[in-house]
Amino acid sequence: MEFTHMDANGNAIMVDVSGKAATARTAVATGRITMSEACFAAVRDGRAKKGDVLGVAQVAGIMATKHTSDLIPLCHSLALTKSAVTFRLLPECCGIEATCTVSCQGVTGVEMEALTGVSVTLLTVYDMCKAVDKHMVLGEIHLVEKHGGKSGDFRFAAEEGTK
């Protein structure tokens, strides 16, 4: 296995993508947050004291995708053509699943943007609900799929994700 962000001497480097052709790139990441029944009901019913939890979290996630290179060292700045965050309520576990989809026409992938977007989305839900429930748990954040680039397509397989 070879790490691309290190030179032969072990120094951190930003990968040189100047010789690569731009191609269509898409990545989808997902994650979950679980909470108490009371907190889940407040979010679901739009009764959270801080306002529209999912609406604010959605905007936060989209904004985060556009600032990924400011947060992740050695990450390239990309001109995104799509950034979307969607939610699925999971009443059986008092959870919320967030999914972030990011696309661009570029020379490097958008996996980090999708992962950053979903992470900030979930952190925003936590921030907006922490007065009600400090026991919330974020988890299962992972890349679901990616398309484009030299390494080709990828789809997460649950049985391989734990290795």
N, C-alpha and C. Protein backbone atom coordinates (compact mmCIF):
# COMPACT_ATOMS: atom_id res chain seq x y z
N MET A 1 0.85 -1.17 0.00
CA MET A 1 0.00 0.00 0.00
C MET A 1 0.90 1.24 0.00
N GLU A 2 0.53 2.19 -0.83
CA GLU A 2 1.32 3.42 -0.94
C GLU A 2 0.45 4.62 -0.60
N PHE A 3 0.94 5.46 0.30
CA PHE A 3 0.22 6.68 0.65
C PHE A 3 0.64 7.78 -0.30
N THR A 4 -0.34 8.47 -0.89
CA THR A 4 -0.06 9.47 -1.91
C THR A 4 0.30 10.84 -1.34
N HIS A 5 0.07 11.06 -0.05
CA HIS A 5 0.33 12.37 0.54
C HIS A 5 1.67 12.43 1.28
N MET A 6 2.58 11.52 0.90
CA MET A 6 3.93 11.52 1.49
C MET A 6 4.96 11.35 0.38
N ASP A 7 6.05 12.08 0.49
CA ASP A 7 7.13 11.90 -0.49
C ASP A 7 8.03 10.75 -0.05
N ALA A 8 9.08 10.50 -0.81
CA ALA A 8 9.99 9.38 -0.54
C ALA A 8 10.66 9.49 0.84
N ASN A 9 10.75 10.70 1.38
CA ASN A 9 11.38 10.93 2.68
C ASN A 9 10.38 10.96 3.83
N GLY A 10 9.09 10.70 3.52
CA GLY A 10 8.07 10.70 4.56
C GLY A 10 7.49 12.07 4.87
N ASN A 11 7.81 13.07 4.05
CA ASN A 11 7.27 14.41 4.26
C ASN A 11 5.87 14.53 3.67
N ALA A 12 5.03 15.31 4.33
CA ALA A 12 3.68 15.55 3.82
C ALA A 12 3.74 16.38 2.55
N ILE A 13 2.95 15.97 1.55
CA ILE A 13 2.87 16.72 0.29
C ILE A 13 1.42 16.77 -0.17
N MET A 14 1.12 17.78 -0.96
CA MET A 14 -0.17 17.84 -1.65
C MET A 14 0.06 17.15 -2.99
N VAL A 15 -0.77 16.20 -3.33
CA VAL A 15 -0.60 15.43 -4.56
C VAL A 15 -0.66 16.36 -5.76
N ASP A 16 0.28 16.21 -6.69
CA ASP A 16 0.32 17.02 -7.91
C ASP A 16 -0.66 16.43 -8.91
N VAL A 17 -1.74 17.16 -9.19
CA VAL A 17 -2.75 16.69 -10.13
C VAL A 17 -2.73 17.52 -11.42
N SER A 18 -1.67 18.28 -11.62
CA SER A 18 -1.61 19.20 -12.76
C SER A 18 -1.63 18.48 -14.11
N GLY A 19 -1.20 17.25 -14.19
CA GLY A 19 -1.19 16.53 -15.46
C GLY A 19 -2.44 15.72 -15.73
N LYS A 20 -3.39 15.76 -14.84
CA LYS A 20 -4.59 14.94 -14.98
C LYS A 20 -5.68 15.69 -15.75
N ALA A 21 -6.46 14.94 -16.52
CA ALA A 21 -7.59 15.51 -17.24
C ALA A 21 -8.80 15.58 -16.31
N ALA A 22 -9.59 16.60 -16.46
CA ALA A 22 -10.81 16.74 -15.67
C ALA A 22 -11.85 15.72 -16.15
N THR A 23 -12.48 15.06 -15.18
CA THR A 23 -13.56 14.12 -15.47
C THR A 23 -14.69 14.35 -14.49
N ALA A 24 -15.85 13.80 -14.79
CA ALA A 24 -16.99 13.90 -13.89
C ALA A 24 -16.71 13.06 -12.64
N ARG A 25 -16.91 13.63 -11.48
CA ARG A 25 -16.67 12.96 -10.20
C ARG A 25 -17.90 13.13 -9.32
N THR A 26 -18.28 12.06 -8.65
CA THR A 26 -19.40 12.10 -7.71
C THR A 26 -19.05 11.23 -6.52
N ALA A 27 -19.46 11.67 -5.33
CA ALA A 27 -19.28 10.86 -4.12
C ALA A 27 -20.52 11.03 -3.24
N VAL A 28 -20.87 9.94 -2.56
CA VAL A 28 -22.00 9.94 -1.63
C VAL A 28 -21.49 9.38 -0.31
N ALA A 29 -21.78 10.09 0.77
CA ALA A 29 -21.41 9.64 2.11
C ALA A 29 -22.64 9.70 3.00
N THR A 30 -22.64 8.88 4.03
CA THR A 30 -23.78 8.85 4.94
C THR A 30 -23.29 8.69 6.37
N GLY A 31 -24.17 8.99 7.30
CA GLY A 31 -23.89 8.82 8.72
C GLY A 31 -25.18 8.95 9.51
N ARG A 32 -25.10 8.62 10.79
CA ARG A 32 -26.30 8.64 11.63
C ARG A 32 -26.03 9.33 12.95
N ILE A 33 -27.12 9.84 13.52
CA ILE A 33 -27.10 10.34 14.88
C ILE A 33 -28.32 9.75 15.58
N THR A 34 -28.10 9.22 16.79
CA THR A 34 -29.21 8.70 17.58
C THR A 34 -29.37 9.58 18.81
N MET A 35 -30.59 9.61 19.32
CA MET A 35 -30.93 10.53 20.41
C MET A 35 -32.08 9.97 21.22
N SER A 36 -32.42 10.67 22.28
CA SER A 36 -33.54 10.26 23.13
C SER A 36 -34.85 10.39 22.36
N GLU A 37 -35.88 9.71 22.87
CA GLU A 37 -37.20 9.78 22.23
C GLU A 37 -37.72 11.21 22.23
N ALA A 38 -37.54 11.93 23.34
CA ALA A 38 -38.04 13.31 23.43
C ALA A 38 -37.33 14.21 22.42
N CYS A 39 -36.03 14.04 22.29
CA CYS A 39 -35.27 14.85 21.36
C CYS A 39 -35.68 14.53 19.91
N PHE A 40 -35.79 13.24 19.61
CA PHE A 40 -36.19 12.82 18.27
C PHE A 40 -37.56 13.40 17.92
N ALA A 41 -38.50 13.32 18.85
CA ALA A 41 -39.85 13.84 18.62
C ALA A 41 -39.81 15.35 18.35
N ALA A 42 -38.98 16.08 19.10
CA ALA A 42 -38.88 17.53 18.91
C ALA A 42 -38.33 17.86 17.53
N VAL A 43 -37.31 17.12 17.08
CA VAL A 43 -36.75 17.35 15.75
C VAL A 43 -37.77 16.98 14.69
N ARG A 44 -38.35 15.80 14.82
CA ARG A 44 -39.33 15.30 13.85
C ARG A 44 -40.52 16.24 13.71
N ASP A 45 -40.99 16.76 14.83
CA ASP A 45 -42.19 17.59 14.83
C ASP A 45 -41.90 19.08 14.65
N GLY A 46 -40.63 19.44 14.49
CA GLY A 46 -40.27 20.85 14.30
C GLY A 46 -40.45 21.69 15.54
N ARG A 47 -40.28 21.09 16.74
CA ARG A 47 -40.49 21.81 18.00
C ARG A 47 -39.20 22.14 18.73
N ALA A 48 -38.04 21.98 18.11
CA ALA A 48 -36.77 22.28 18.79
C ALA A 48 -36.69 23.78 19.06
N LYS A 49 -36.22 24.12 20.26
CA LYS A 49 -36.17 25.54 20.66
C LYS A 49 -35.27 26.38 19.75
N LYS A 50 -34.23 25.77 19.18
CA LYS A 50 -33.32 26.53 18.32
C LYS A 50 -33.83 26.68 16.89
N GLY A 51 -34.98 26.07 16.58
CA GLY A 51 -35.57 26.24 15.25
C GLY A 51 -35.54 24.97 14.42
N ASP A 52 -35.52 25.14 13.13
CA ASP A 52 -35.58 24.05 12.16
C ASP A 52 -34.24 23.30 12.13
N VAL A 53 -34.11 22.27 12.95
CA VAL A 53 -32.86 21.55 13.11
C VAL A 53 -32.38 20.99 11.76
N LEU A 54 -33.24 20.29 11.06
CA LEU A 54 -32.81 19.65 9.82
C LEU A 54 -32.53 20.67 8.72
N GLY A 55 -33.27 21.74 8.67
CA GLY A 55 -33.02 22.79 7.68
C GLY A 55 -31.67 23.46 7.89
N VAL A 56 -31.37 23.79 9.13
CA VAL A 56 -30.08 24.41 9.45
C VAL A 56 -28.94 23.42 9.21
N ALA A 57 -29.13 22.17 9.63
CA ALA A 57 -28.09 21.15 9.44
C ALA A 57 -27.83 20.91 7.95
N GLN A 58 -28.87 20.95 7.15
CA GLN A 58 -28.73 20.76 5.71
C GLN A 58 -27.86 21.86 5.11
N VAL A 59 -28.13 23.09 5.45
CA VAL A 59 -27.33 24.22 4.94
C VAL A 59 -25.89 24.12 5.45
N ALA A 60 -25.72 23.75 6.72
CA ALA A 60 -24.36 23.61 7.28
C ALA A 60 -23.57 22.55 6.52
N GLY A 61 -24.19 21.42 6.21
CA GLY A 61 -23.51 20.37 5.47
C GLY A 61 -23.10 20.80 4.08
N ILE A 62 -23.99 21.49 3.40
CA ILE A 62 -23.68 22.00 2.05
C ILE A 62 -22.54 23.00 2.13
N MET A 63 -22.59 23.91 3.08
CA MET A 63 -21.51 24.89 3.24
C MET A 63 -20.18 24.20 3.54
N ALA A 64 -20.22 23.15 4.36
CA ALA A 64 -19.00 22.43 4.73
C ALA A 64 -18.34 21.80 3.50
N THR A 65 -19.14 21.28 2.57
CA THR A 65 -18.55 20.67 1.37
C THR A 65 -17.73 21.69 0.60
N LYS A 66 -18.18 22.93 0.60
CA LYS A 66 -17.49 23.98 -0.14
C LYS A 66 -16.23 24.47 0.55
N HIS A 67 -16.04 24.09 1.83
CA HIS A 67 -14.88 24.54 2.59
C HIS A 67 -13.98 23.39 3.05
N THR A 68 -14.13 22.24 2.44
CA THR A 68 -13.37 21.06 2.86
C THR A 68 -11.87 21.31 2.81
N SER A 69 -11.39 21.96 1.77
CA SER A 69 -9.94 22.18 1.65
C SER A 69 -9.42 23.13 2.72
N ASP A 70 -10.30 23.90 3.36
CA ASP A 70 -9.89 24.76 4.48
C ASP A 70 -9.75 23.95 5.77
N LEU A 71 -10.37 22.79 5.81
CA LEU A 71 -10.41 21.98 7.04
C LEU A 71 -9.47 20.78 7.01
N ILE A 72 -9.29 20.18 5.85
CA ILE A 72 -8.50 18.96 5.71
C ILE A 72 -7.16 19.31 5.08
N PRO A 73 -6.06 19.17 5.79
CA PRO A 73 -4.76 19.50 5.22
C PRO A 73 -4.49 18.68 3.96
N LEU A 74 -3.87 19.30 2.99
CA LEU A 74 -3.44 18.68 1.74
C LEU A 74 -4.60 18.35 0.80
N CYS A 75 -5.81 18.76 1.12
CA CYS A 75 -6.97 18.51 0.29
C CYS A 75 -7.08 19.63 -0.75
N HIS A 76 -7.31 19.25 -2.01
CA HIS A 76 -7.42 20.24 -3.08
C HIS A 76 -8.72 21.03 -2.98
N SER A 77 -8.68 22.26 -3.40
CA SER A 77 -9.87 23.09 -3.49
C SER A 77 -10.58 22.75 -4.80
N LEU A 78 -11.88 22.48 -4.73
CA LEU A 78 -12.63 22.06 -5.91
C LEU A 78 -13.80 22.99 -6.19
N ALA A 79 -14.10 23.14 -7.47
CA ALA A 79 -15.28 23.90 -7.89
C ALA A 79 -16.44 22.91 -7.99
N LEU A 80 -17.22 22.79 -6.94
CA LEU A 80 -18.30 21.82 -6.90
C LEU A 80 -19.45 22.25 -7.82
N THR A 81 -20.05 21.26 -8.47
CA THR A 81 -21.21 21.53 -9.32
C THR A 81 -22.50 21.06 -8.66
N LYS A 82 -22.38 20.24 -7.62
CA LYS A 82 -23.55 19.78 -6.86
C LYS A 82 -23.13 19.50 -5.43
N SER A 83 -23.98 19.91 -4.51
CA SER A 83 -23.81 19.56 -3.10
C SER A 83 -25.21 19.48 -2.51
N ALA A 84 -25.58 18.30 -2.05
CA ALA A 84 -26.93 18.11 -1.52
C ALA A 84 -26.87 17.25 -0.26
N VAL A 85 -27.74 17.57 0.70
CA VAL A 85 -27.87 16.80 1.93
C VAL A 85 -29.33 16.40 2.08
N THR A 86 -29.55 15.12 2.32
CA THR A 86 -30.91 14.62 2.55
C THR A 86 -30.94 13.86 3.87
N PHE A 87 -32.14 13.68 4.39
CA PHE A 87 -32.33 13.01 5.68
C PHE A 87 -33.34 11.87 5.56
N ARG A 88 -33.14 10.88 6.41
CA ARG A 88 -34.12 9.81 6.58
C ARG A 88 -34.31 9.64 8.08
N LEU A 89 -35.54 9.82 8.53
CA LEU A 89 -35.85 9.65 9.95
C LEU A 89 -35.97 8.16 10.26
N LEU A 90 -35.39 7.76 11.38
CA LEU A 90 -35.37 6.35 11.79
C LEU A 90 -36.04 6.22 13.15
N PRO A 91 -37.38 6.24 13.18
CA PRO A 91 -38.09 6.23 14.46
C PRO A 91 -37.81 4.99 15.31
N GLU A 92 -37.51 3.87 14.68
CA GLU A 92 -37.28 2.64 15.43
C GLU A 92 -36.06 2.72 16.36
N CYS A 93 -35.11 3.63 16.04
CA CYS A 93 -33.93 3.80 16.90
C CYS A 93 -33.74 5.25 17.34
N CYS A 94 -34.77 6.07 17.14
CA CYS A 94 -34.69 7.51 17.45
C CYS A 94 -33.45 8.10 16.80
N GLY A 95 -33.29 7.82 15.53
CA GLY A 95 -32.12 8.28 14.80
C GLY A 95 -32.46 9.05 13.55
N ILE A 96 -31.45 9.71 13.05
CA ILE A 96 -31.55 10.44 11.79
C ILE A 96 -30.36 10.04 10.95
N GLU A 97 -30.63 9.60 9.74
CA GLU A 97 -29.57 9.29 8.79
C GLU A 97 -29.44 10.47 7.83
N ALA A 98 -28.23 10.97 7.70
CA ALA A 98 -27.96 12.07 6.76
C ALA A 98 -27.13 11.50 5.62
N THR A 99 -27.42 11.95 4.40
CA THR A 99 -26.67 11.55 3.23
C THR A 99 -26.24 12.81 2.48
N CYS A 100 -24.97 12.85 2.11
CA CYS A 100 -24.43 14.00 1.39
C CYS A 100 -23.92 13.52 0.03
N THR A 101 -24.37 14.16 -1.03
CA THR A 101 -23.95 13.85 -2.40
C THR A 101 -23.26 15.07 -2.98
N VAL A 102 -22.06 14.86 -3.51
CA VAL A 102 -21.25 15.96 -4.04
C VAL A 102 -20.74 15.57 -5.43
N SER A 103 -20.75 16.52 -6.35
CA SER A 103 -20.23 16.29 -7.70
C SER A 103 -19.39 17.46 -8.16
N CYS A 104 -18.50 17.17 -9.10
CA CYS A 104 -17.73 18.22 -9.77
C CYS A 104 -17.18 17.66 -11.08
N GLN A 105 -16.69 18.55 -11.89
CA GLN A 105 -15.92 18.21 -13.07
C GLN A 105 -14.51 18.59 -12.67
N GLY A 106 -13.67 17.61 -12.35
CA GLY A 106 -12.37 17.97 -11.81
C GLY A 106 -11.31 16.91 -12.01
N VAL A 107 -10.14 17.19 -11.44
CA VAL A 107 -8.98 16.31 -11.59
C VAL A 107 -8.72 15.46 -10.35
N THR A 108 -9.54 15.62 -9.34
CA THR A 108 -9.42 14.80 -8.13
C THR A 108 -10.81 14.57 -7.56
N GLY A 109 -10.95 13.53 -6.77
CA GLY A 109 -12.25 13.10 -6.29
C GLY A 109 -12.87 13.99 -5.23
N VAL A 110 -14.14 13.74 -4.97
CA VAL A 110 -14.91 14.54 -4.03
C VAL A 110 -15.33 13.74 -2.79
N GLU A 111 -14.61 12.65 -2.51
CA GLU A 111 -14.94 11.84 -1.35
C GLU A 111 -14.84 12.63 -0.05
N MET A 112 -13.76 13.40 0.10
CA MET A 112 -13.58 14.16 1.34
C MET A 112 -14.66 15.21 1.51
N GLU A 113 -15.13 15.79 0.42
CA GLU A 113 -16.20 16.78 0.49
C GLU A 113 -17.49 16.13 0.99
N ALA A 114 -17.82 14.95 0.46
CA ALA A 114 -19.03 14.26 0.88
C ALA A 114 -18.94 13.85 2.35
N LEU A 115 -17.79 13.32 2.76
CA LEU A 115 -17.60 12.91 4.16
C LEU A 115 -17.62 14.10 5.11
N THR A 116 -17.02 15.21 4.70
CA THR A 116 -17.03 16.42 5.52
C THR A 116 -18.45 16.96 5.62
N GLY A 117 -19.16 16.96 4.50
CA GLY A 117 -20.54 17.45 4.49
C GLY A 117 -21.44 16.70 5.44
N VAL A 118 -21.37 15.36 5.40
CA VAL A 118 -22.24 14.57 6.28
C VAL A 118 -21.81 14.72 7.74
N SER A 119 -20.52 14.83 7.99
CA SER A 119 -20.03 14.99 9.37
C SER A 119 -20.51 16.31 9.96
N VAL A 120 -20.39 17.39 9.23
CA VAL A 120 -20.82 18.70 9.73
C VAL A 120 -22.34 18.76 9.86
N THR A 121 -23.04 18.09 8.99
CA THR A 121 -24.50 18.00 9.11
C THR A 121 -24.87 17.39 10.45
N LEU A 122 -24.27 16.25 10.78
CA LEU A 122 -24.58 15.57 12.03
C LEU A 122 -24.12 16.37 13.24
N LEU A 123 -22.97 17.01 13.14
CA LEU A 123 -22.50 17.86 14.24
C LEU A 123 -23.45 19.03 14.48
N THR A 124 -24.05 19.54 13.42
CA THR A 124 -25.00 20.64 13.56
C THR A 124 -26.28 20.17 14.25
N VAL A 125 -26.74 18.97 13.91
CA VAL A 125 -27.89 18.41 14.62
C VAL A 125 -27.56 18.32 16.11
N TYR A 126 -26.37 17.80 16.42
CA TYR A 126 -25.95 17.70 17.82
C TYR A 126 -25.96 19.08 18.49
N ASP A 127 -25.36 20.05 17.82
CA ASP A 127 -25.27 21.40 18.40
C ASP A 127 -26.65 21.99 18.68
N MET A 128 -27.56 21.78 17.76
CA MET A 128 -28.89 22.37 17.92
C MET A 128 -29.74 21.64 18.95
N CYS A 129 -29.37 20.42 19.29
CA CYS A 129 -30.18 19.61 20.21
C CYS A 129 -29.51 19.32 21.55
N LYS A 130 -28.28 19.77 21.74
CA LYS A 130 -27.53 19.38 22.94
C LYS A 130 -28.16 19.85 24.24
N ALA A 131 -28.97 20.90 24.20
CA ALA A 131 -29.64 21.35 25.42
C ALA A 131 -30.69 20.35 25.88
N VAL A 132 -31.21 19.55 24.95
CA VAL A 132 -32.23 18.56 25.27
C VAL A 132 -31.60 17.20 25.58
N ASP A 133 -30.52 16.86 24.85
CA ASP A 133 -29.94 15.53 24.97
C ASP A 133 -28.44 15.57 24.71
N LYS A 134 -27.65 15.42 25.75
CA LYS A 134 -26.19 15.38 25.59
C LYS A 134 -25.68 13.95 25.36
N HIS A 135 -26.59 12.98 25.32
CA HIS A 135 -26.20 11.59 25.10
C HIS A 135 -26.32 11.16 23.64
N MET A 136 -26.51 12.09 22.74
CA MET A 136 -26.60 11.74 21.32
C MET A 136 -25.30 11.09 20.88
N VAL A 137 -25.42 10.18 19.93
CA VAL A 137 -24.25 9.46 19.41
C VAL A 137 -24.21 9.58 17.90
N LEU A 138 -23.08 10.06 17.39
CA LEU A 138 -22.85 10.10 15.95
C LEU A 138 -22.09 8.85 15.56
N GLY A 139 -22.40 8.30 14.40
CA GLY A 139 -21.67 7.12 13.97
C GLY A 139 -21.98 6.69 12.57
N GLU A 140 -21.36 5.58 12.19
CA GLU A 140 -21.56 4.96 10.89
C GLU A 140 -21.28 5.92 9.73
N ILE A 141 -20.40 6.88 9.93
CA ILE A 141 -20.04 7.81 8.85
C ILE A 141 -19.11 7.09 7.90
N HIS A 142 -19.51 7.03 6.64
CA HIS A 142 -18.70 6.33 5.66
C HIS A 142 -19.06 6.73 4.23
N LEU A 143 -18.13 6.45 3.34
CA LEU A 143 -18.34 6.64 1.91
C LEU A 143 -19.25 5.52 1.43
N VAL A 144 -20.34 5.88 0.78
CA VAL A 144 -21.29 4.90 0.25
C VAL A 144 -20.90 4.50 -1.17
N GLU A 145 -20.56 5.51 -1.97
CA GLU A 145 -20.15 5.24 -3.34
C GLU A 145 -19.41 6.44 -3.90
N LYS A 146 -18.62 6.15 -4.94
CA LYS A 146 -17.96 7.21 -5.68
C LYS A 146 -17.84 6.77 -7.13
N HIS A 147 -17.88 7.76 -8.01
CA HIS A 147 -17.79 7.50 -9.44
C HIS A 147 -16.79 8.46 -10.06
N GLY A 148 -16.05 7.95 -11.04
CA GLY A 148 -15.09 8.77 -11.77
C GLY A 148 -13.69 8.63 -11.23
N GLY A 149 -12.75 9.11 -12.02
CA GLY A 149 -11.36 9.10 -11.61
C GLY A 149 -10.63 7.83 -12.00
N LYS A 150 -9.32 7.86 -11.79
CA LYS A 150 -8.45 6.76 -12.17
C LYS A 150 -8.79 5.45 -11.47
N SER A 151 -9.18 5.53 -10.21
CA SER A 151 -9.48 4.30 -9.46
C SER A 151 -10.85 3.72 -9.79
N GLY A 152 -11.63 4.43 -10.59
CA GLY A 152 -12.93 3.91 -11.01
C GLY A 152 -14.01 4.05 -9.97
N ASP A 153 -15.05 3.24 -10.14
CA ASP A 153 -16.20 3.31 -9.26
C ASP A 153 -15.98 2.49 -8.00
N PHE A 154 -16.65 2.91 -6.93
CA PHE A 154 -16.58 2.23 -5.63
C PHE A 154 -17.97 2.21 -5.05
N ARG A 155 -18.35 1.09 -4.46
CA ARG A 155 -19.60 0.99 -3.71
C ARG A 155 -19.29 0.27 -2.40
N PHE A 156 -19.71 0.86 -1.30
CA PHE A 156 -19.47 0.30 0.03
C PHE A 156 -20.16 -1.04 0.17
N ALA A 157 -19.44 -2.01 0.65
CA ALA A 157 -20.01 -3.32 0.97
C ALA A 157 -19.88 -3.50 2.48
N ALA A 158 -20.99 -3.64 3.17
CA ALA A 158 -20.99 -3.69 4.64
C ALA A 158 -20.06 -4.76 5.19
N GLU A 159 -20.01 -5.92 4.55
CA GLU A 159 -19.17 -6.99 5.06
C GLU A 159 -17.69 -6.67 4.92
N GLU A 160 -17.32 -5.79 4.00
CA GLU A 160 -15.92 -5.40 3.84
C GLU A 160 -15.57 -4.15 4.64
N GLY A 161 -16.58 -3.38 5.03
CA GLY A 161 -16.36 -2.10 5.70
C GLY A 161 -15.78 -2.21 7.10
N THR A 162 -15.81 -3.37 7.69
CA THR A 162 -15.32 -3.51 9.06
C THR A 162 -13.91 -4.07 9.13
N LYS A 163 -13.33 -4.37 7.99
CA LYS A 163 -11.97 -4.95 7.98
C LYS A 163 -10.92 -3.91 8.22
